[in-house]
Amino acid sequence: NKCFLFGLLVLVALVTGCPKNHYIVELTPRENAVERKLIFYREN
C-alpha cells in the first residue's frame, strides 16, 4: 500500500533525524585584533 510506504518513510526520517552542522564562534579581544575561534562539527 502506498500509504503504508509513505508512513514508513516518515517514521524512518523521524527516528534517524537529519544530519546538521554545528558552529560555535568564540571572540577574544587582543590589543589591536581579535582572536576568533571557530569550533565546528556535524551531528547525524
PDB file of all heavy atoms in Angstrom:
ATOM      1  N   ASN A   1       0.832  -1.184   0.000  1.00  0.00           N
ATOM      2  CA  ASN A   1       0.000   0.000   0.000  1.00  0.00           C
ATOM      3  C   ASN A   1       0.879   1.251   0.000  1.00  0.00           C
ATOM      4  O   ASN A   1       1.838   1.366   0.765  1.00  0.00           O
ATOM      5  CB  ASN A   1      -0.884  -0.042   1.248  1.00  0.00           C
ATOM      6  CG  ASN A   1      -1.844   1.103   1.311  1.00  0.00           C
ATOM      7  OD1 ASN A   1      -1.604   2.166   0.769  1.00  0.00           O
ATOM      8  ND2 ASN A   1      -2.950   0.874   1.990  1.00  0.00           N
ATOM      9  N   LYS A   2       0.578   2.237  -0.856  1.00  0.00           N
ATOM     10  CA  LYS A   2       1.373   3.467  -0.956  1.00  0.00           C
ATOM     11  C   LYS A   2       1.348   4.256   0.342  1.00  0.00           C
ATOM     12  O   LYS A   2       2.346   4.850   0.742  1.00  0.00           O
ATOM     13  CB  LYS A   2       0.886   4.325  -2.108  1.00  0.00           C
ATOM     14  CG  LYS A   2       1.215   3.760  -3.460  1.00  0.00           C
ATOM     15  CD  LYS A   2       0.743   4.683  -4.556  1.00  0.00           C
ATOM     16  CE  LYS A   2       1.036   4.064  -5.910  1.00  0.00           C
ATOM     17  NZ  LYS A   2       0.628   4.939  -6.999  1.00  0.00           N
ATOM     18  N   CYS A   3       0.207   4.274   1.020  1.00  0.00           N
ATOM     19  CA  CYS A   3       0.115   4.995   2.300  1.00  0.00           C
ATOM     20  C   CYS A   3       1.015   4.354   3.347  1.00  0.00           C
ATOM     21  O   CYS A   3       1.660   5.052   4.137  1.00  0.00           O
ATOM     22  CB  CYS A   3      -1.326   5.017   2.800  1.00  0.00           C
ATOM     23  SG  CYS A   3      -2.389   6.089   1.825  1.00  0.00           S
ATOM     24  N   PHE A   4       1.087   3.028   3.331  1.00  0.00           N
ATOM     25  CA  PHE A   4       1.946   2.324   4.280  1.00  0.00           C
ATOM     26  C   PHE A   4       3.406   2.674   4.031  1.00  0.00           C
ATOM     27  O   PHE A   4       4.166   2.952   4.965  1.00  0.00           O
ATOM     28  CB  PHE A   4       1.725   0.809   4.177  1.00  0.00           C
ATOM     29  CG  PHE A   4       2.670   0.010   5.023  1.00  0.00           C
ATOM     30  CD1 PHE A   4       2.495  -0.062   6.399  1.00  0.00           C
ATOM     31  CD2 PHE A   4       3.751  -0.649   4.456  1.00  0.00           C
ATOM     32  CE1 PHE A   4       3.369  -0.783   7.187  1.00  0.00           C
ATOM     33  CE2 PHE A   4       4.629  -1.364   5.234  1.00  0.00           C
ATOM     34  CZ  PHE A   4       4.434  -1.440   6.607  1.00  0.00           C
ATOM     35  N   LEU A   5       3.828   2.670   2.752  1.00  0.00           N
ATOM     36  CA  LEU A   5       5.210   3.012   2.410  1.00  0.00           C
ATOM     37  C   LEU A   5       5.538   4.445   2.811  1.00  0.00           C
ATOM     38  O   LEU A   5       6.611   4.721   3.357  1.00  0.00           O
ATOM     39  CB  LEU A   5       5.462   2.815   0.917  1.00  0.00           C
ATOM     40  CG  LEU A   5       5.569   1.379   0.446  1.00  0.00           C
ATOM     41  CD1 LEU A   5       5.696   1.335  -1.066  1.00  0.00           C
ATOM     42  CD2 LEU A   5       6.744   0.692   1.105  1.00  0.00           C
ATOM     43  N   PHE A   6       4.618   5.366   2.543  1.00  0.00           N
ATOM     44  CA  PHE A   6       4.839   6.758   2.923  1.00  0.00           C
ATOM     45  C   PHE A   6       4.977   6.889   4.437  1.00  0.00           C
ATOM     46  O   PHE A   6       5.871   7.570   4.942  1.00  0.00           O
ATOM     47  CB  PHE A   6       3.703   7.643   2.411  1.00  0.00           C
ATOM     48  CG  PHE A   6       3.859   9.087   2.797  1.00  0.00           C
ATOM     49  CD1 PHE A   6       4.794   9.888   2.169  1.00  0.00           C
ATOM     50  CD2 PHE A   6       3.094   9.641   3.811  1.00  0.00           C
ATOM     51  CE1 PHE A   6       4.958  11.214   2.529  1.00  0.00           C
ATOM     52  CE2 PHE A   6       3.248  10.964   4.182  1.00  0.00           C
ATOM     53  CZ  PHE A   6       4.179  11.757   3.533  1.00  0.00           C
ATOM     54  N   GLY A   7       4.104   6.236   5.172  1.00  0.00           N
ATOM     55  CA  GLY A   7       4.161   6.267   6.631  1.00  0.00           C
ATOM     56  C   GLY A   7       5.465   5.691   7.155  1.00  0.00           C
ATOM     57  O   GLY A   7       6.063   6.209   8.099  1.00  0.00           O
ATOM     58  N   LEU A   8       5.935   4.633   6.523  1.00  0.00           N
ATOM     59  CA  LEU A   8       7.199   4.012   6.911  1.00  0.00           C
ATOM     60  C   LEU A   8       8.366   4.968   6.668  1.00  0.00           C
ATOM     61  O   LEU A   8       9.253   5.106   7.509  1.00  0.00           O
ATOM     62  CB  LEU A   8       7.395   2.704   6.147  1.00  0.00           C
ATOM     63  CG  LEU A   8       8.584   1.844   6.538  1.00  0.00           C
ATOM     64  CD1 LEU A   8       8.495   1.446   8.003  1.00  0.00           C
ATOM     65  CD2 LEU A   8       8.642   0.613   5.659  1.00  0.00           C
ATOM     66  N   LEU A   9       8.355   5.653   5.540  1.00  0.00           N
ATOM     67  CA  LEU A   9       9.419   6.617   5.244  1.00  0.00           C
ATOM     68  C   LEU A   9       9.419   7.773   6.243  1.00  0.00           C
ATOM     69  O   LEU A   9      10.469   8.228   6.689  1.00  0.00           O
ATOM     70  CB  LEU A   9       9.263   7.158   3.821  1.00  0.00           C
ATOM     71  CG  LEU A   9       9.618   6.192   2.701  1.00  0.00           C
ATOM     72  CD1 LEU A   9       9.252   6.802   1.349  1.00  0.00           C
ATOM     73  CD2 LEU A   9      11.083   5.835   2.745  1.00  0.00           C
ATOM     74  N   VAL A  10       8.242   8.258   6.601  1.00  0.00           N
ATOM     75  CA  VAL A  10       8.143   9.338   7.590  1.00  0.00           C
ATOM     76  C   VAL A  10       8.678   8.863   8.937  1.00  0.00           C
ATOM     77  O   VAL A  10       9.430   9.573   9.605  1.00  0.00           O
ATOM     78  CB  VAL A  10       6.687   9.846   7.715  1.00  0.00           C
ATOM     79  CG1 VAL A  10       6.524  10.766   8.909  1.00  0.00           C
ATOM     80  CG2 VAL A  10       6.261  10.543   6.437  1.00  0.00           C
ATOM     81  N   LEU A  11       8.342   7.660   9.331  1.00  0.00           N
ATOM     82  CA  LEU A  11       8.813   7.107  10.593  1.00  0.00           C
ATOM     83  C   LEU A  11      10.333   6.973  10.604  1.00  0.00           C
ATOM     84  O   LEU A  11      10.994   7.343  11.574  1.00  0.00           O
ATOM     85  CB  LEU A  11       8.165   5.742  10.857  1.00  0.00           C
ATOM     86  CG  LEU A  11       8.568   5.036  12.147  1.00  0.00           C
ATOM     87  CD1 LEU A  11       8.172   5.895  13.350  1.00  0.00           C
ATOM     88  CD2 LEU A  11       7.927   3.671  12.234  1.00  0.00           C
ATOM     89  N   VAL A  12      10.908   6.493   9.513  1.00  0.00           N
ATOM     90  CA  VAL A  12      12.362   6.367   9.411  1.00  0.00           C
ATOM     91  C   VAL A  12      13.013   7.737   9.523  1.00  0.00           C
ATOM     92  O   VAL A  12      14.017   7.913  10.214  1.00  0.00           O
ATOM     93  CB  VAL A  12      12.758   5.657   8.091  1.00  0.00           C
ATOM     94  CG1 VAL A  12      14.252   5.782   7.825  1.00  0.00           C
ATOM     95  CG2 VAL A  12      12.351   4.199   8.140  1.00  0.00           C
ATOM     96  N   ALA A  13      12.455   8.739   8.856  1.00  0.00           N
ATOM     97  CA  ALA A  13      13.012  10.093   8.914  1.00  0.00           C
ATOM     98  C   ALA A  13      12.960  10.655  10.333  1.00  0.00           C
ATOM     99  O   ALA A  13      13.895  11.320  10.782  1.00  0.00           O
ATOM    100  CB  ALA A  13      12.264  11.008   7.951  1.00  0.00           C
ATOM    101  N   LEU A  14      11.887  10.382  11.056  1.00  0.00           N
ATOM    102  CA  LEU A  14      11.772  10.888  12.424  1.00  0.00           C
ATOM    103  C   LEU A  14      12.738  10.195  13.370  1.00  0.00           C
ATOM    104  O   LEU A  14      13.279  10.810  14.277  1.00  0.00           O
ATOM    105  CB  LEU A  14      10.334  10.716  12.931  1.00  0.00           C
ATOM    106  CG  LEU A  14       9.296  11.616  12.299  1.00  0.00           C
ATOM    107  CD1 LEU A  14       7.905  11.229  12.786  1.00  0.00           C
ATOM    108  CD2 LEU A  14       9.577  13.068  12.611  1.00  0.00           C
ATOM    109  N   VAL A  15      12.963   8.914  13.176  1.00  0.00           N
ATOM    110  CA  VAL A  15      13.839   8.153  14.062  1.00  0.00           C
ATOM    111  C   VAL A  15      15.303   8.458  13.785  1.00  0.00           C
ATOM    112  O   VAL A  15      16.094   8.632  14.695  1.00  0.00           O
ATOM    113  CB  VAL A  15      13.555   6.644  13.934  1.00  0.00           C
ATOM    114  CG1 VAL A  15      14.578   5.826  14.698  1.00  0.00           C
ATOM    115  CG2 VAL A  15      12.158   6.328  14.430  1.00  0.00           C
ATOM    116  N   THR A  16      15.676   8.534  12.500  1.00  0.00           N
ATOM    117  CA  THR A  16      17.085   8.737  12.171  1.00  0.00           C
ATOM    118  C   THR A  16      17.490  10.196  12.222  1.00  0.00           C
ATOM    119  O   THR A  16      18.630  10.506  12.480  1.00  0.00           O
ATOM    120  CB  THR A  16      17.409   8.178  10.774  1.00  0.00           C
ATOM    121  OG1 THR A  16      16.588   8.840   9.815  1.00  0.00           O
ATOM    122  CG2 THR A  16      17.211   6.687  10.721  1.00  0.00           C
ATOM    123  N   GLY A  17      16.590  11.103  11.985  1.00  0.00           N
ATOM    124  CA  GLY A  17      16.925  12.521  12.005  1.00  0.00           C
ATOM    125  C   GLY A  17      17.698  12.928  10.775  1.00  0.00           C
ATOM    126  O   GLY A  17      18.022  12.116   9.924  1.00  0.00           O
ATOM    127  N   CYS A  18      18.001  14.194  10.689  1.00  0.00           N
ATOM    128  CA  CYS A  18      18.738  14.735   9.552  1.00  0.00           C
ATOM    129  C   CYS A  18      20.083  15.249  10.047  1.00  0.00           C
ATOM    130  O   CYS A  18      20.151  15.921  11.076  1.00  0.00           O
ATOM    131  CB  CYS A  18      17.966  15.881   8.916  1.00  0.00           C
ATOM    132  SG  CYS A  18      16.395  15.384   8.228  1.00  0.00           S
ATOM    133  N   PRO A  19      21.147  14.953   9.301  1.00  0.00           N
ATOM    134  CA  PRO A  19      22.454  15.479   9.698  1.00  0.00           C
ATOM    135  C   PRO A  19      22.461  17.002   9.658  1.00  0.00           C
ATOM    136  O   PRO A  19      21.801  17.610   8.812  1.00  0.00           O
ATOM    137  CB  PRO A  19      23.409  14.922   8.643  1.00  0.00           C
ATOM    138  CG  PRO A  19      22.665  13.848   7.958  1.00  0.00           C
ATOM    139  CD  PRO A  19      21.218  14.133   8.120  1.00  0.00           C
ATOM    140  N   LYS A  20      23.184  17.612  10.596  1.00  0.00           N
ATOM    141  CA  LYS A  20      23.291  19.069  10.597  1.00  0.00           C
ATOM    142  C   LYS A  20      24.644  19.476  11.149  1.00  0.00           C
ATOM    143  O   LYS A  20      25.213  18.804  12.004  1.00  0.00           O
ATOM    144  CB  LYS A  20      22.159  19.707  11.386  1.00  0.00           C
ATOM    145  CG  LYS A  20      22.039  19.226  12.811  1.00  0.00           C
ATOM    146  CD  LYS A  20      20.795  19.784  13.468  1.00  0.00           C
ATOM    147  CE  LYS A  20      20.559  19.025  14.759  1.00  0.00           C
ATOM    148  NZ  LYS A  20      19.284  19.326  15.350  1.00  0.00           N
ATOM    149  N   ASN A  21      25.128  20.589  10.626  1.00  0.00           N
ATOM    150  CA  ASN A  21      26.402  21.144  11.079  1.00  0.00           C
ATOM    151  C   ASN A  21      26.158  22.050  12.273  1.00  0.00           C
ATOM    152  O   ASN A  21      25.142  22.731  12.347  1.00  0.00           O
ATOM    153  CB  ASN A  21      27.063  21.948   9.969  1.00  0.00           C
ATOM    154  CG  ASN A  21      27.461  21.097   8.790  1.00  0.00           C
ATOM    155  OD1 ASN A  21      27.501  19.876   8.861  1.00  0.00           O
ATOM    156  ND2 ASN A  21      27.766  21.732   7.681  1.00  0.00           N
ATOM    157  N   HIS A  22      27.108  22.054  13.188  1.00  0.00           N
ATOM    158  CA  HIS A  22      27.065  22.935  14.359  1.00  0.00           C
ATOM    159  C   HIS A  22      28.309  23.814  14.342  1.00  0.00           C
ATOM    160  O   HIS A  22      29.406  23.332  14.042  1.00  0.00           O
ATOM    161  CB  HIS A  22      27.039  22.115  15.657  1.00  0.00           C
ATOM    162  CG  HIS A  22      25.772  21.358  15.842  1.00  0.00           C
ATOM    163  ND1 HIS A  22      24.709  21.862  16.558  1.00  0.00           N
ATOM    164  CD2 HIS A  22      25.383  20.144  15.411  1.00  0.00           C
ATOM    165  CE1 HIS A  22      23.724  20.982  16.557  1.00  0.00           C
ATOM    166  NE2 HIS A  22      24.111  19.925  15.860  1.00  0.00           N
ATOM    167  N   TYR A  23      28.123  25.082  14.666  1.00  0.00           N
ATOM    168  CA  TYR A  23      29.226  26.042  14.696  1.00  0.00           C
ATOM    169  C   TYR A  23      29.173  26.819  16.001  1.00  0.00           C
ATOM    170  O   TYR A  23      28.112  27.297  16.398  1.00  0.00           O
ATOM    171  CB  TYR A  23      29.110  27.034  13.536  1.00  0.00           C
ATOM    172  CG  TYR A  23      29.055  26.384  12.178  1.00  0.00           C
ATOM    173  CD1 TYR A  23      27.839  26.145  11.556  1.00  0.00           C
ATOM    174  CD2 TYR A  23      30.213  26.011  11.514  1.00  0.00           C
ATOM    175  CE1 TYR A  23      27.774  25.556  10.311  1.00  0.00           C
ATOM    176  CE2 TYR A  23      30.163  25.417  10.266  1.00  0.00           C
ATOM    177  CZ  TYR A  23      28.939  25.187   9.671  1.00  0.00           C
ATOM    178  OH  TYR A  23      28.887  24.605   8.435  1.00  0.00           O
ATOM    179  N   ILE A  24      30.322  26.964  16.630  1.00  0.00           N
ATOM    180  CA  ILE A  24      30.455  27.777  17.841  1.00  0.00           C
ATOM    181  C   ILE A  24      31.579  28.771  17.565  1.00  0.00           C
ATOM    182  O   ILE A  24      32.692  28.367  17.219  1.00  0.00           O
ATOM    183  CB  ILE A  24      30.806  26.907  19.067  1.00  0.00           C
ATOM    184  CG1 ILE A  24      29.743  25.832  19.281  1.00  0.00           C
ATOM    185  CG2 ILE A  24      30.989  27.788  20.304  1.00  0.00           C
ATOM    186  CD1 ILE A  24      30.175  24.720  20.216  1.00  0.00           C
ATOM    187  N   VAL A  25      31.291  30.060  17.695  1.00  0.00           N
ATOM    188  CA  VAL A  25      32.289  31.098  17.454  1.00  0.00           C
ATOM    189  C   VAL A  25      32.602  31.771  18.779  1.00  0.00           C
ATOM    190  O   VAL A  25      31.705  32.234  19.475  1.00  0.00           O
ATOM    191  CB  VAL A  25      31.786  32.146  16.435  1.00  0.00           C
ATOM    192  CG1 VAL A  25      32.818  33.251  16.245  1.00  0.00           C
ATOM    193  CG2 VAL A  25      31.447  31.485  15.110  1.00  0.00           C
ATOM    194  N   GLU A  26      33.894  31.802  19.116  1.00  0.00           N
ATOM    195  CA  GLU A  26      34.353  32.494  20.324  1.00  0.00           C
ATOM    196  C   GLU A  26      35.268  33.629  19.895  1.00  0.00           C
ATOM    197  O   GLU A  26      36.217  33.410  19.135  1.00  0.00           O
ATOM    198  CB  GLU A  26      35.120  31.528  21.235  1.00  0.00           C
ATOM    199  CG  GLU A  26      34.271  30.391  21.767  1.00  0.00           C
ATOM    200  CD  GLU A  26      35.074  29.396  22.603  1.00  0.00           C
ATOM    201  OE1 GLU A  26      36.301  29.583  22.782  1.00  0.00           O
ATOM    202  OE2 GLU A  26      34.465  28.423  23.060  1.00  0.00           O
ATOM    203  N   LEU A  27      34.998  34.843  20.378  1.00  0.00           N
ATOM    204  CA  LEU A  27      35.809  36.014  20.063  1.00  0.00           C
ATOM    205  C   LEU A  27      36.470  36.515  21.335  1.00  0.00           C
ATOM    206  O   LEU A  27      35.800  36.725  22.344  1.00  0.00           O
ATOM    207  CB  LEU A  27      34.946  37.118  19.453  1.00  0.00           C
ATOM    208  CG  LEU A  27      34.190  36.751  18.176  1.00  0.00           C
ATOM    209  CD1 LEU A  27      33.272  37.902  17.772  1.00  0.00           C
ATOM    210  CD2 LEU A  27      35.164  36.423  17.058  1.00  0.00           C
ATOM    211  N   THR A  28      37.788  36.706  21.266  1.00  0.00           N
ATOM    212  CA  THR A  28      38.551  37.202  22.409  1.00  0.00           C
ATOM    213  C   THR A  28      39.338  38.429  21.975  1.00  0.00           C
ATOM    214  O   THR A  28      40.222  38.327  21.123  1.00  0.00           O
ATOM    215  CB  THR A  28      39.531  36.124  22.937  1.00  0.00           C
ATOM    216  OG1 THR A  28      38.799  34.922  23.207  1.00  0.00           O
ATOM    217  CG2 THR A  28      40.233  36.605  24.189  1.00  0.00           C
ATOM    218  N   PRO A  29      39.013  39.616  22.517  1.00  0.00           N
ATOM    219  CA  PRO A  29      39.750  40.817  22.136  1.00  0.00           C
ATOM    220  C   PRO A  29      41.219  40.734  22.546  1.00  0.00           C
ATOM    221  O   PRO A  29      41.550  40.265  23.635  1.00  0.00           O
ATOM    222  CB  PRO A  29      39.044  41.939  22.896  1.00  0.00           C
ATOM    223  CG  PRO A  29      37.754  41.369  23.349  1.00  0.00           C
ATOM    224  CD  PRO A  29      37.952  39.902  23.472  1.00  0.00           C
ATOM    225  N   ARG A  30      42.085  41.162  21.667  1.00  0.00           N
ATOM    226  CA  ARG A  30      43.517  41.325  21.928  1.00  0.00           C
ATOM    227  C   ARG A  30      43.813  42.813  21.746  1.00  0.00           C
ATOM    228  O   ARG A  30      42.909  43.598  21.513  1.00  0.00           O
ATOM    229  CB  ARG A  30      44.344  40.461  20.968  1.00  0.00           C
ATOM    230  CG  ARG A  30      44.017  38.976  21.030  1.00  0.00           C
ATOM    231  CD  ARG A  30      44.558  38.353  22.289  1.00  0.00           C
ATOM    232  NE  ARG A  30      44.262  36.903  22.287  1.00  0.00           N
ATOM    233  CZ  ARG A  30      43.904  36.234  23.337  1.00  0.00           C
ATOM    234  NH1 ARG A  30      43.780  36.855  24.495  1.00  0.00           N
ATOM    235  NH2 ARG A  30      43.652  34.961  23.280  1.00  0.00           N
ATOM    236  N   GLU A  31      45.064  43.234  21.812  1.00  0.00           N
ATOM    237  CA  GLU A  31      45.378  44.664  21.711  1.00  0.00           C
ATOM    238  C   GLU A  31      44.777  45.313  20.474  1.00  0.00           C
ATOM    239  O   GLU A  31      43.917  46.167  20.575  1.00  0.00           O
ATOM    240  CB  GLU A  31      46.891  44.870  21.733  1.00  0.00           C
ATOM    241  CG  GLU A  31      47.456  44.750  23.130  1.00  0.00           C
ATOM    242  CD  GLU A  31      48.906  45.133  23.175  1.00  0.00           C
ATOM    243  OE1 GLU A  31      49.335  45.993  22.387  1.00  0.00           O
ATOM    244  OE2 GLU A  31      49.614  44.559  24.004  1.00  0.00           O
ATOM    245  N   ASN A  32      45.239  44.951  19.296  1.00  0.00           N
ATOM    246  CA  ASN A  32      44.760  45.578  18.062  1.00  0.00           C
ATOM    247  C   ASN A  32      44.051  44.588  17.148  1.00  0.00           C
ATOM    248  O   ASN A  32      43.927  44.823  15.953  1.00  0.00           O
ATOM    249  CB  ASN A  32      45.930  46.208  17.301  1.00  0.00           C
ATOM    250  CG  ASN A  32      46.551  47.342  18.090  1.00  0.00           C
ATOM    251  OD1 ASN A  32      45.848  48.092  18.749  1.00  0.00           O
ATOM    252  ND2 ASN A  32      47.862  47.451  18.034  1.00  0.00           N
ATOM    253  N   ALA A  33      43.633  43.481  17.701  1.00  0.00           N
ATOM    254  CA  ALA A  33      42.994  42.445  16.900  1.00  0.00           C
ATOM    255  C   ALA A  33      42.010  41.672  17.781  1.00  0.00           C
ATOM    256  O   ALA A  33      41.847  41.973  18.957  1.00  0.00           O
ATOM    257  CB  ALA A  33      44.052  41.504  16.328  1.00  0.00           C
ATOM    258  N   VAL A  34      41.386  40.693  17.193  1.00  0.00           N
ATOM    259  CA  VAL A  34      40.510  39.804  17.939  1.00  0.00           C
ATOM    260  C   VAL A  34      40.876  38.373  17.562  1.00  0.00           C
ATOM    261  O   VAL A  34      41.147  38.079  16.400  1.00  0.00           O
ATOM    262  CB  VAL A  34      39.013  40.106  17.660  1.00  0.00           C
ATOM    263  CG1 VAL A  34      38.635  39.810  16.230  1.00  0.00           C
ATOM    264  CG2 VAL A  34      38.120  39.363  18.609  1.00  0.00           C
ATOM    265  N   GLU A  35      40.959  37.530  18.576  1.00  0.00           N
ATOM    266  CA  GLU A  35      41.188  36.113  18.304  1.00  0.00           C
ATOM    267  C   GLU A  35      39.829  35.485  18.027  1.00  0.00           C
ATOM    268  O   GLU A  35      38.892  35.648  18.800  1.00  0.00           O
ATOM    269  CB  GLU A  35      41.846  35.413  19.491  1.00  0.00           C
ATOM    270  CG  GLU A  35      42.059  33.931  19.229  1.00  0.00           C
ATOM    271  CD  GLU A  35      42.586  33.200  20.442  1.00  0.00           C
ATOM    272  OE1 GLU A  35      41.756  32.874  21.319  1.00  0.00           O
ATOM    273  OE2 GLU A  35      43.804  32.990  20.509  1.00  0.00           O
ATOM    274  N   ARG A  36      39.737  34.801  16.924  1.00  0.00           N
ATOM    275  CA  ARG A  36      38.483  34.152  16.522  1.00  0.00           C
ATOM    276  C   ARG A  36      38.707  32.653  16.531  1.00  0.00           C
ATOM    277  O   ARG A  36      39.584  32.137  15.851  1.00  0.00           O
ATOM    278  CB  ARG A  36      38.079  34.602  15.128  1.00  0.00           C
ATOM    279  CG  ARG A  36      36.718  34.118  14.696  1.00  0.00           C
ATOM    280  CD  ARG A  36      36.366  34.825  13.380  1.00  0.00           C
ATOM    281  NE  ARG A  36      34.967  34.737  13.074  1.00  0.00           N
ATOM    282  CZ  ARG A  36      34.404  33.734  12.435  1.00  0.00           C
ATOM    283  NH1 ARG A  36      35.128  32.717  12.049  1.00  0.00           N
ATOM    284  NH2 ARG A  36      33.117  33.744  12.182  1.00  0.00           N
ATOM    285  N   LYS A  37      37.914  31.968  17.329  1.00  0.00           N
ATOM    286  CA  LYS A  37      37.999  30.518  17.427  1.00  0.00           C
ATOM    287  C   LYS A  37      36.673  29.942  16.947  1.00  0.00           C
ATOM    288  O   LYS A  37      35.617  30.259  17.496  1.00  0.00           O
ATOM    289  CB  LYS A  37      38.269  30.104  18.878  1.00  0.00           C
ATOM    290  CG  LYS A  37      38.439  28.640  19.101  1.00  0.00           C
ATOM    291  CD  LYS A  37      38.773  28.401  20.582  1.00  0.00           C
ATOM    292  CE  LYS A  37      39.088  26.975  20.879  1.00  0.00           C
ATOM    293  NZ  LYS A  37      39.405  26.792  22.305  1.00  0.00           N
ATOM    294  N   LEU A  38      36.739  29.127  15.915  1.00  0.00           N
ATOM    295  CA  LEU A  38      35.551  28.501  15.354  1.00  0.00           C
ATOM    296  C   LEU A  38      35.618  27.006  15.645  1.00  0.00           C
ATOM    297  O   LEU A  38      36.559  26.327  15.242  1.00  0.00           O
ATOM    298  CB  LEU A  38      35.486  28.728  13.840  1.00  0.00           C
ATOM    299  CG  LEU A  38      34.383  27.982  13.097  1.00  0.00           C
ATOM    300  CD1 LEU A  38      33.005  28.482  13.535  1.00  0.00           C
ATOM    301  CD2 LEU A  38      34.559  28.137  11.598  1.00  0.00           C
ATOM    302  N   ILE A  39      34.653  26.514  16.394  1.00  0.00           N
ATOM    303  CA  ILE A  39      34.536  25.090  16.698  1.00  0.00           C
ATOM    304  C   ILE A  39      33.369  24.579  15.861  1.00  0.00           C
ATOM    305  O   ILE A  39      32.279  25.148  15.908  1.00  0.00           O
ATOM    306  CB  ILE A  39      34.266  24.861  18.195  1.00  0.00           C
ATOM    307  CG1 ILE A  39      35.373  25.510  19.036  1.00  0.00           C
ATOM    308  CG2 ILE A  39      34.118  23.373  18.497  1.00  0.00           C
ATOM    309  CD1 ILE A  39      35.036  25.681  20.494  1.00  0.00           C
ATOM    310  N   PHE A  40      33.619  23.532  15.086  1.00  0.00           N
ATOM    311  CA  PHE A  40      32.542  23.047  14.226  1.00  0.00           C
ATOM    312  C   PHE A  40      32.584  21.527  14.093  1.00  0.00           C
ATOM    313  O   PHE A  40      33.635  20.913  14.184  1.00  0.00           O
ATOM    314  CB  PHE A  40      32.580  23.727  12.855  1.00  0.00           C
ATOM    315  CG  PHE A  40      33.869  23.593  12.093  1.00  0.00           C
ATOM    316  CD1 PHE A  40      33.977  22.698  11.041  1.00  0.00           C
ATOM    317  CD2 PHE A  40      34.975  24.363  12.415  1.00  0.00           C
ATOM    318  CE1 PHE A  40      35.153  22.586  10.320  1.00  0.00           C
ATOM    319  CE2 PHE A  40      36.155  24.261  11.715  1.00  0.00           C
ATOM    320  CZ  PHE A  40      36.249  23.365  10.658  1.00  0.00           C
ATOM    321  N   TYR A  41      31.385  20.959  13.930  1.00  0.00           N
ATOM    322  CA  TYR A  41      31.240  19.511  13.792  1.00  0.00           C
ATOM    323  C   TYR A  41      29.916  19.199  13.131  1.00  0.00           C
ATOM    324  O   TYR A  41      29.073  20.080  12.956  1.00  0.00           O
ATOM    325  CB  TYR A  41      31.354  18.816  15.149  1.00  0.00           C
ATOM    326  CG  TYR A  41      30.341  19.259  16.174  1.00  0.00           C
ATOM    327  CD1 TYR A  41      29.138  18.572  16.341  1.00  0.00           C
ATOM    328  CD2 TYR A  41      30.572  20.361  16.990  1.00  0.00           C
ATOM    329  CE1 TYR A  41      28.200  18.983  17.285  1.00  0.00           C
ATOM    330  CE2 TYR A  41      29.647  20.771  17.928  1.00  0.00           C
ATOM    331  CZ  TYR A  41      28.461  20.078  18.071  1.00  0.00           C
ATOM    332  OH  TYR A  41      27.532  20.484  19.000  1.00  0.00           O
ATOM    333  N   ARG A  42      29.741  17.960  12.757  1.00  0.00           N
ATOM    334  CA  ARG A  42      28.490  17.508  12.129  1.00  0.00           C
ATOM    335  C   ARG A  42      27.881  16.421  12.991  1.00  0.00           C
ATOM    336  O   ARG A  42      28.562  15.500  13.410  1.00  0.00           O
ATOM    337  CB  ARG A  42      28.751  16.984  10.721  1.00  0.00           C
ATOM    338  CG  ARG A  42      27.494  16.633   9.944  1.00  0.00           C
ATOM    339  CD  ARG A  42      27.853  16.390   8.479  1.00  0.00           C
ATOM    340  NE  ARG A  42      26.720  16.086   7.656  1.00  0.00           N
ATOM    341  CZ  ARG A  42      25.943  16.985   7.056  1.00  0.00           C
ATOM    342  NH1 ARG A  42      26.211  18.263   7.208  1.00  0.00           N
ATOM    343  NH2 ARG A  42      24.930  16.618   6.307  1.00  0.00           N
ATOM    344  N   GLU A  43      26.604  16.580  13.265  1.00  0.00           N
ATOM    345  CA  GLU A  43      25.863  15.626  14.088  1.00  0.00           C
ATOM    346  C   GLU A  43      24.845  14.943  13.189  1.00  0.00           C
ATOM    347  O   GLU A  43      24.244  15.567  12.324  1.00  0.00           O
ATOM    348  CB  GLU A  43      25.158  16.394  15.202  1.00  0.00           C
ATOM    349  CG  GLU A  43      24.558  15.533  16.261  1.00  0.00           C
ATOM    350  CD  GLU A  43      23.950  16.376  17.373  1.00  0.00           C
ATOM    351  OE1 GLU A  43      24.406  17.509  17.609  1.00  0.00           O
ATOM    352  OE2 GLU A  43      22.997  15.893  17.998  1.00  0.00           O
ATOM    353  N   ASN A  44      24.652  13.633  13.390  1.00  0.00           N
ATOM    354  CA  ASN A  44      23.759  12.920  12.482  1.00  0.00           C
ATOM    355  C   ASN A  44      22.287  13.127  12.787  1.00  0.00           C
ATOM    356  O   ASN A  44      21.434  12.711  12.020  1.00  0.00           O
ATOM    357  CB  ASN A  44      24.098  11.433  12.402  1.00  0.00           C
ATOM    358  CG  ASN A  44      23.657  10.645  13.607  1.00  0.00           C
ATOM    359  OD1 ASN A  44      23.028  11.155  14.525  1.00  0.00           O
ATOM    360  ND2 ASN A  44      23.993   9.378  13.621  1.00  0.00           N
TER     361      ASN A  44
END
